[in-house]
Amino acid sequence: MNSQLLTWIVSLGAWNWFILAALLFLLEILAPGSFMLWLALSAILVGAISTAVVWSWQAQLIASTGSMMTFWFGDSASWPNALMYLSAMK
């Protein structure tokens, strides 16, 4: 990847998450199915936290994945149900 592009992306900071959320919302509008909606909500949540807290990209990735799983599975977020759902997607 071009070093100038990478430097520009890093310089955006927490705005990266809000830009990703906007792109995911746009994808949800163009191809509805409610999957991108949960990813976008997760990106907004992590972006909002990232504006107040300085944390590593690894922690941001874990927070994004965790919040996406919570939004996606909702009230049925018990692990047996989630694992059964994921295994059925193969």
Protein backbone atom coordinates (compact mmCIF):
# COMPACT_ATOMS: atom_id res chain seq x y z
CA MET A 1 0.00 0.00 0.00
CA ASN A 2 1.17 3.50 -0.75
CA SER A 3 2.77 5.05 2.35
CA GLN A 4 1.07 8.41 1.73
CA LEU A 5 -2.34 6.73 1.60
CA LEU A 6 -1.63 4.78 4.77
CA THR A 7 -0.44 7.96 6.52
CA TRP A 8 -3.63 9.74 5.46
CA ILE A 9 -5.84 6.91 6.74
CA VAL A 10 -4.04 6.86 10.10
CA SER A 11 -4.31 10.65 10.37
CA LEU A 12 -8.11 10.43 10.26
CA GLY A 13 -8.17 8.76 13.66
CA ALA A 14 -11.63 7.89 14.96
CA TRP A 15 -13.22 9.29 11.80
CA ASN A 16 -12.25 6.07 10.04
CA TRP A 17 -15.04 4.31 11.95
CA PHE A 18 -17.64 6.93 11.01
CA ILE A 19 -16.62 6.78 7.34
CA LEU A 20 -16.86 2.97 7.46
CA ALA A 21 -20.31 3.26 9.08
CA ALA A 22 -21.51 5.60 6.32
CA LEU A 23 -20.26 3.20 3.64
CA LEU A 24 -21.92 0.25 5.35
CA PHE A 25 -25.22 2.16 5.65
CA LEU A 26 -24.97 2.97 1.94
CA LEU A 27 -24.42 -0.71 1.16
CA GLU A 28 -27.45 -1.57 3.30
CA ILE A 29 -29.57 0.89 1.33
CA LEU A 30 -28.37 -0.45 -2.03
CA ALA A 31 -28.69 -4.13 -1.04
CA PRO A 32 -31.10 -4.48 1.87
CA GLY A 33 -30.75 -7.49 4.09
CA SER A 34 -30.03 -5.93 7.50
CA PHE A 35 -26.57 -7.47 7.80
CA MET A 36 -24.64 -4.30 6.97
CA LEU A 37 -26.88 -2.36 9.34
CA TRP A 38 -25.42 -4.16 12.37
CA LEU A 39 -21.88 -3.67 11.13
CA ALA A 40 -22.57 0.04 10.64
CA LEU A 41 -24.03 0.38 14.14
CA SER A 42 -20.98 -1.38 15.51
CA ALA A 43 -18.68 1.00 13.61
CA ILE A 44 -20.56 4.00 15.03
CA LEU A 45 -20.26 2.63 18.57
CA VAL A 46 -16.52 2.01 18.26
CA GLY A 47 -16.05 5.39 16.57
CA ALA A 48 -17.86 7.14 19.40
CA ILE A 49 -15.71 5.37 21.99
CA SER A 50 -12.57 6.09 19.96
CA THR A 51 -13.20 9.83 20.11
CA ALA A 52 -12.90 9.72 23.92
CA VAL A 53 -10.42 6.86 24.47
CA VAL A 54 -7.07 6.25 22.80
CA TRP A 55 -6.73 2.50 22.28
CA SER A 56 -4.85 0.14 20.02
CA TRP A 57 -6.25 -1.15 16.75
CA GLN A 58 -6.43 -4.63 18.29
CA ALA A 59 -8.73 -3.39 21.06
CA GLN A 60 -10.84 -1.53 18.49
CA LEU A 61 -11.16 -4.72 16.42
CA ILE A 62 -12.24 -6.75 19.45
CA ALA A 63 -14.75 -4.05 20.50
CA SER A 64 -16.13 -3.85 16.97
CA THR A 65 -16.53 -7.61 16.71
CA GLY A 66 -18.12 -7.87 20.13
CA SER A 67 -20.58 -5.06 19.54
CA MET A 68 -21.43 -6.42 16.09
CA MET A 69 -22.20 -9.84 17.59
CA THR A 70 -24.38 -8.21 20.26
CA PHE A 71 -26.32 -6.18 17.68
CA TRP A 72 -26.59 -9.12 15.29
CA PHE A 73 -27.83 -11.76 17.73
CA GLY A 74 -29.83 -9.37 19.91
CA ASP A 75 -31.80 -11.01 22.68
CA SER A 76 -30.87 -14.52 21.57
CA ALA A 77 -27.17 -13.91 22.22
CA SER A 78 -26.69 -17.09 24.23
CA TRP A 79 -23.65 -18.97 22.96
CA PRO A 80 -25.39 -22.26 22.05
CA ASN A 81 -27.89 -20.42 19.87
CA ALA A 82 -25.20 -18.27 18.30
CA LEU A 83 -22.97 -21.25 17.53
CA MET A 84 -25.88 -23.19 16.06
CA TYR A 85 -26.75 -20.22 13.85
CA LEU A 86 -23.16 -19.79 12.67
CA SER A 87 -22.74 -23.50 11.95
CA ALA A 88 -25.94 -23.49 9.89
CA MET A 89 -24.53 -20.71 7.67
CA LYS A 90 -21.88 -22.98 6.12
